[in-house]
Amino acid sequence: MLRQLGFGAIRLLTNNPEKVSALSRCGIRVTERVSHSFPANKHNEAYLRTKAVRGGHLF
């Protein structure tokens, strides 16, 4: 879809390094990965830990 819209390079807002790899494999150059973060709290700390451990997300 990005290529059809005329995008060959993007800045990507993600904590998931696999998205960068997947886009690169599809021919989209990721010029920068912009991390987004928010403070952990009692409601989301287990969720964020799981994303980091299982999914390799970078926080």
PDB file of N, CA and C in Angstrom:
ATOM      1  N   MET A   1       0.821  -1.176   0.000  1.00  0.00           N
ATOM      2  CA  MET A   1       0.000   0.000   0.000  1.00  0.00           C
ATOM      3  C   MET A   1       0.881   1.262   0.000  1.00  0.00           C
ATOM      4  N   LEU A   2       1.940   1.251   0.794  1.00  0.00           N
ATOM      5  CA  LEU A   2       2.817   2.415   0.840  1.00  0.00           C
ATOM      6  C   LEU A   2       3.441   2.687  -0.522  1.00  0.00           C
ATOM      7  N   ARG A   3       3.889   1.649  -1.179  1.00  0.00           N
ATOM      8  CA  ARG A   3       4.479   1.836  -2.508  1.00  0.00           C
ATOM      9  C   ARG A   3       3.436   2.339  -3.500  1.00  0.00           C
ATOM     10  N   GLN A   4       2.217   1.835  -3.409  1.00  0.00           N
ATOM     11  CA  GLN A   4       1.152   2.296  -4.311  1.00  0.00           C
ATOM     12  C   GLN A   4       0.829   3.768  -4.073  1.00  0.00           C
ATOM     13  N   LEU A   5       1.029   4.228  -2.855  1.00  0.00           N
ATOM     14  CA  LEU A   5       0.801   5.635  -2.545  1.00  0.00           C
ATOM     15  C   LEU A   5       2.009   6.510  -2.878  1.00  0.00           C
ATOM     16  N   GLY A   6       3.085   5.871  -3.340  1.00  0.00           N
ATOM     17  CA  GLY A   6       4.255   6.613  -3.765  1.00  0.00           C
ATOM     18  C   GLY A   6       5.331   6.795  -2.708  1.00  0.00           C
ATOM     19  N   PHE A   7       5.232   6.057  -1.614  1.00  0.00           N
ATOM     20  CA  PHE A   7       6.228   6.161  -0.553  1.00  0.00           C
ATOM     21  C   PHE A   7       7.292   5.085  -0.718  1.00  0.00           C
ATOM     22  N   GLY A   8       8.542   5.515  -0.801  1.00  0.00           N
ATOM     23  CA  GLY A   8       9.652   4.580  -0.876  1.00  0.00           C
ATOM     24  C   GLY A   8      10.463   4.562   0.401  1.00  0.00           C
ATOM     25  N   ALA A   9      10.266   5.599   1.221  1.00  0.00           N
ATOM     26  CA  ALA A   9      10.983   5.712   2.488  1.00  0.00           C
ATOM     27  C   ALA A   9      10.056   6.372   3.501  1.00  0.00           C
ATOM     28  N   ILE A  10      10.185   5.931   4.764  1.00  0.00           N
ATOM     29  CA  ILE A  10       9.316   6.469   5.815  1.00  0.00           C
ATOM     30  C   ILE A  10      10.068   6.588   7.132  1.00  0.00           C
ATOM     31  N   ARG A  11       9.561   7.422   8.012  1.00  0.00           N
ATOM     32  CA  ARG A  11       9.913   7.417   9.431  1.00  0.00           C
ATOM     33  C   ARG A  11       8.810   6.589  10.081  1.00  0.00           C
ATOM     34  N   LEU A  12       9.176   5.637  10.909  1.00  0.00           N
ATOM     35  CA  LEU A  12       8.204   4.694  11.454  1.00  0.00           C
ATOM     36  C   LEU A  12       8.090   4.859  12.955  1.00  0.00           C
ATOM     37  N   LEU A  13       6.890   5.107  13.439  1.00  0.00           N
ATOM     38  CA  LEU A  13       6.604   5.208  14.860  1.00  0.00           C
ATOM     39  C   LEU A  13       6.232   3.815  15.363  1.00  0.00           C
ATOM     40  N   THR A  14       7.197   3.134  16.003  1.00  0.00           N
ATOM     41  CA  THR A  14       6.955   1.781  16.494  1.00  0.00           C
ATOM     42  C   THR A  14       8.004   1.401  17.525  1.00  0.00           C
ATOM     43  N   ASN A  15       7.646   0.462  18.360  1.00  0.00           N
ATOM     44  CA  ASN A  15       8.594  -0.158  19.284  1.00  0.00           C
ATOM     45  C   ASN A  15       8.940  -1.574  18.828  1.00  0.00           C
ATOM     46  N   ASN A  16       8.380  -1.975  17.705  1.00  0.00           N
ATOM     47  CA  ASN A  16       8.526  -3.336  17.221  1.00  0.00           C
ATOM     48  C   ASN A  16       9.583  -3.399  16.106  1.00  0.00           C
ATOM     49  N   PRO A  17      10.774  -3.910  16.410  1.00  0.00           N
ATOM     50  CA  PRO A  17      11.819  -3.964  15.387  1.00  0.00           C
ATOM     51  C   PRO A  17      11.463  -4.878  14.211  1.00  0.00           C
ATOM     52  N   GLU A  18      10.560  -5.821  14.406  1.00  0.00           N
ATOM     53  CA  GLU A  18      10.161  -6.707  13.308  1.00  0.00           C
ATOM     54  C   GLU A  18       9.424  -5.928  12.219  1.00  0.00           C
ATOM     55  N   LYS A  19       8.726  -4.866  12.585  1.00  0.00           N
ATOM     56  CA  LYS A  19       8.045  -4.050  11.574  1.00  0.00           C
ATOM     57  C   LYS A  19       9.052  -3.385  10.650  1.00  0.00           C
ATOM     58  N   VAL A  20      10.169  -2.941  11.206  1.00  0.00           N
ATOM     59  CA  VAL A  20      11.217  -2.338  10.391  1.00  0.00           C
ATOM     60  C   VAL A  20      11.743  -3.367   9.394  1.00  0.00           C
ATOM     61  N   SER A  21      12.006  -4.563   9.869  1.00  0.00           N
ATOM     62  CA  SER A  21      12.505  -5.633   8.998  1.00  0.00           C
ATOM     63  C   SER A  21      11.496  -6.003   7.918  1.00  0.00           C
ATOM     64  N   ALA A  22      10.237  -6.116   8.301  1.00  0.00           N
ATOM     65  CA  ALA A  22       9.200  -6.502   7.342  1.00  0.00           C
ATOM     66  C   ALA A  22       9.049  -5.450   6.244  1.00  0.00           C
ATOM     67  N   LEU A  23       9.063  -4.188   6.624  1.00  0.00           N
ATOM     68  CA  LEU A  23       8.952  -3.135   5.616  1.00  0.00           C
ATOM     69  C   LEU A  23      10.161  -3.139   4.694  1.00  0.00           C
ATOM     70  N   SER A  24      11.333  -3.355   5.252  1.00  0.00           N
ATOM     71  CA  SER A  24      12.551  -3.414   4.434  1.00  0.00           C
ATOM     72  C   SER A  24      12.477  -4.557   3.425  1.00  0.00           C
ATOM     73  N   ARG A  25      11.977  -5.692   3.868  1.00  0.00           N
ATOM     74  CA  ARG A  25      11.829  -6.835   2.954  1.00  0.00           C
ATOM     75  C   ARG A  25      10.854  -6.530   1.819  1.00  0.00           C
ATOM     76  N   CYS A  26       9.924  -5.622   2.062  1.00  0.00           N
ATOM     77  CA  CYS A  26       8.936  -5.249   1.044  1.00  0.00           C
ATOM     78  C   CYS A  26       9.391  -4.072   0.195  1.00  0.00           C
ATOM     79  N   GLY A  27      10.627  -3.629   0.409  1.00  0.00           N
ATOM     80  CA  GLY A  27      11.171  -2.568  -0.416  1.00  0.00           C
ATOM     81  C   GLY A  27      10.918  -1.154   0.081  1.00  0.00           C
ATOM     82  N   ILE A  28      10.447  -1.017   1.311  1.00  0.00           N
ATOM     83  CA  ILE A  28      10.244   0.306   1.903  1.00  0.00           C
ATOM     84  C   ILE A  28      11.423   0.578   2.828  1.00  0.00           C
ATOM     85  N   ARG A  29      12.123   1.676   2.594  1.00  0.00           N
ATOM     86  CA  ARG A  29      13.281   2.031   3.411  1.00  0.00           C
ATOM     87  C   ARG A  29      12.796   2.794   4.647  1.00  0.00           C
ATOM     88  N   VAL A  30      13.167   2.310   5.807  1.00  0.00           N
ATOM     89  CA  VAL A  30      12.831   2.984   7.055  1.00  0.00           C
ATOM     90  C   VAL A  30      14.012   3.872   7.410  1.00  0.00           C
ATOM     91  N   THR A  31      13.825   5.176   7.274  1.00  0.00           N
ATOM     92  CA  THR A  31      14.918   6.116   7.516  1.00  0.00           C
ATOM     93  C   THR A  31      15.140   6.359   9.001  1.00  0.00           C
ATOM     94  N   GLU A  32      14.095   6.156   9.797  1.00  0.00           N
ATOM     95  CA  GLU A  32      14.219   6.332  11.241  1.00  0.00           C
ATOM     96  C   GLU A  32      13.101   5.574  11.932  1.00  0.00           C
ATOM     97  N   ARG A  33      13.454   4.907  13.035  1.00  0.00           N
ATOM     98  CA  ARG A  33      12.436   4.289  13.888  1.00  0.00           C
ATOM     99  C   ARG A  33      12.272   5.204  15.085  1.00  0.00           C
ATOM    100  N   VAL A  34      11.082   5.740  15.233  1.00  0.00           N
ATOM    101  CA  VAL A  34      10.783   6.638  16.337  1.00  0.00           C
ATOM    102  C   VAL A  34      10.060   5.833  17.411  1.00  0.00           C
ATOM    103  N   SER A  35      10.698   5.714  18.548  1.00  0.00           N
ATOM    104  CA  SER A  35      10.105   4.965  19.658  1.00  0.00           C
ATOM    105  C   SER A  35       9.028   5.802  20.320  1.00  0.00           C
ATOM    106  N   HIS A  36       7.964   5.158  20.703  1.00  0.00           N
ATOM    107  CA  HIS A  36       6.977   5.864  21.507  1.00  0.00           C
ATOM    108  C   HIS A  36       6.856   5.119  22.825  1.00  0.00           C
ATOM    109  N   SER A  37       6.795   5.880  23.861  1.00  0.00           N
ATOM    110  CA  SER A  37       6.749   5.250  25.177  1.00  0.00           C
ATOM    111  C   SER A  37       5.792   6.012  26.077  1.00  0.00           C
ATOM    112  N   PHE A  38       5.347   5.303  27.045  1.00  0.00           N
ATOM    113  CA  PHE A  38       4.469   5.870  28.051  1.00  0.00           C
ATOM    114  C   PHE A  38       4.827   5.175  29.347  1.00  0.00           C
ATOM    115  N   PRO A  39       4.592   5.811  30.457  1.00  0.00           N
ATOM    116  CA  PRO A  39       5.024   5.214  31.722  1.00  0.00           C
ATOM    117  C   PRO A  39       4.246   3.946  32.065  1.00  0.00           C
ATOM    118  N   ALA A  40       4.977   2.990  32.584  1.00  0.00           N
ATOM    119  CA  ALA A  40       4.328   1.769  33.064  1.00  0.00           C
ATOM    120  C   ALA A  40       3.575   2.104  34.347  1.00  0.00           C
ATOM    121  N   ASN A  41       2.493   1.388  34.547  1.00  0.00           N
ATOM    122  CA  ASN A  41       1.725   1.535  35.779  1.00  0.00           C
ATOM    123  C   ASN A  41       1.176   0.172  36.163  1.00  0.00           C
ATOM    124  N   LYS A  42       0.473   0.091  37.259  1.00  0.00           N
ATOM    125  CA  LYS A  42       0.005  -1.215  37.746  1.00  0.00           C
ATOM    126  C   LYS A  42      -0.947  -1.894  36.765  1.00  0.00           C
ATOM    127  N   HIS A  43      -1.542  -1.128  35.856  1.00  0.00           N
ATOM    128  CA  HIS A  43      -2.497  -1.698  34.911  1.00  0.00           C
ATOM    129  C   HIS A  43      -1.832  -2.241  33.641  1.00  0.00           C
ATOM    130  N   ASN A  44      -0.653  -1.725  33.298  1.00  0.00           N
ATOM    131  CA  ASN A  44      -0.059  -2.148  32.030  1.00  0.00           C
ATOM    132  C   ASN A  44       1.349  -2.733  32.146  1.00  0.00           C
ATOM    133  N   GLU A  45       1.900  -2.801  33.345  1.00  0.00           N
ATOM    134  CA  GLU A  45       3.300  -3.240  33.453  1.00  0.00           C
ATOM    135  C   GLU A  45       3.504  -4.677  32.994  1.00  0.00           C
ATOM    136  N   ALA A  46       2.582  -5.573  33.304  1.00  0.00           N
ATOM    137  CA  ALA A  46       2.727  -6.963  32.853  1.00  0.00           C
ATOM    138  C   ALA A  46       2.605  -7.053  31.330  1.00  0.00           C
ATOM    139  N   TYR A  47       1.688  -6.290  30.778  1.00  0.00           N
ATOM    140  CA  TYR A  47       1.498  -6.260  29.316  1.00  0.00           C
ATOM    141  C   TYR A  47       2.765  -5.766  28.618  1.00  0.00           C
ATOM    142  N   LEU A  48       3.339  -4.675  29.106  1.00  0.00           N
ATOM    143  CA  LEU A  48       4.547  -4.127  28.491  1.00  0.00           C
ATOM    144  C   LEU A  48       5.726  -5.081  28.638  1.00  0.00           C
ATOM    145  N   ARG A  49       5.840  -5.725  29.776  1.00  0.00           N
ATOM    146  CA  ARG A  49       6.920  -6.696  29.993  1.00  0.00           C
ATOM    147  C   ARG A  49       6.776  -7.859  29.010  1.00  0.00           C
ATOM    148  N   THR A  50       5.551  -8.330  28.813  1.00  0.00           N
ATOM    149  CA  THR A  50       5.308  -9.429  27.881  1.00  0.00           C
ATOM    150  C   THR A  50       5.663  -9.027  26.449  1.00  0.00           C
ATOM    151  N   LYS A  51       5.305  -7.820  26.049  1.00  0.00           N
ATOM    152  CA  LYS A  51       5.649  -7.352  24.697  1.00  0.00           C
ATOM    153  C   LYS A  51       7.155  -7.301  24.507  1.00  0.00           C
ATOM    154  N   ALA A  52       7.874  -6.898  25.539  1.00  0.00           N
ATOM    155  CA  ALA A  52       9.336  -6.829  25.438  1.00  0.00           C
ATOM    156  C   ALA A  52       9.955  -8.220  25.385  1.00  0.00           C
ATOM    157  N   VAL A  53       9.508  -9.108  26.256  1.00  0.00           N
ATOM    158  CA  VAL A  53      10.106 -10.442  26.348  1.00  0.00           C
ATOM    159  C   VAL A  53       9.715 -11.318  25.158  1.00  0.00           C
ATOM    160  N   ARG A  54       8.438 -11.391  24.861  1.00  0.00           N
ATOM    161  CA  ARG A  54       7.974 -12.292  23.793  1.00  0.00           C
ATOM    162  C   ARG A  54       8.104 -11.700  22.402  1.00  0.00           C
ATOM    163  N   GLY A  55       7.859 -10.395  22.303  1.00  0.00           N
ATOM    164  CA  GLY A  55       7.844  -9.781  20.983  1.00  0.00           C
ATOM    165  C   GLY A  55       9.096  -9.013  20.623  1.00  0.00           C
ATOM    166  N   GLY A  56      10.003  -8.857  21.581  1.00  0.00           N
ATOM    167  CA  GLY A  56      11.237  -8.140  21.302  1.00  0.00           C
ATOM    168  C   GLY A  56      11.061  -6.641  21.151  1.00  0.00           C
ATOM    169  N   HIS A  57       9.960  -6.119  21.645  1.00  0.00           N
ATOM    170  CA  HIS A  57       9.702  -4.690  21.530  1.00  0.00           C
ATOM    171  C   HIS A  57      10.721  -3.902  22.329  1.00  0.00           C
ATOM    172  N   LEU A  58      11.080  -2.742  21.804  1.00  0.00           N
ATOM    173  CA  LEU A  58      12.087  -1.883  22.416  1.00  0.00           C
ATOM    174  C   LEU A  58      11.390  -0.707  23.079  1.00  0.00           C
ATOM    175  N   PHE A  59      11.552  -0.598  24.380  1.00  0.00           N
ATOM    176  CA  PHE A  59      10.915   0.507  25.092  1.00  0.00           C
ATOM    177  C   PHE A  59      11.964   1.442  25.663  1.00  0.00           C
TER     178      PHE A  59
END
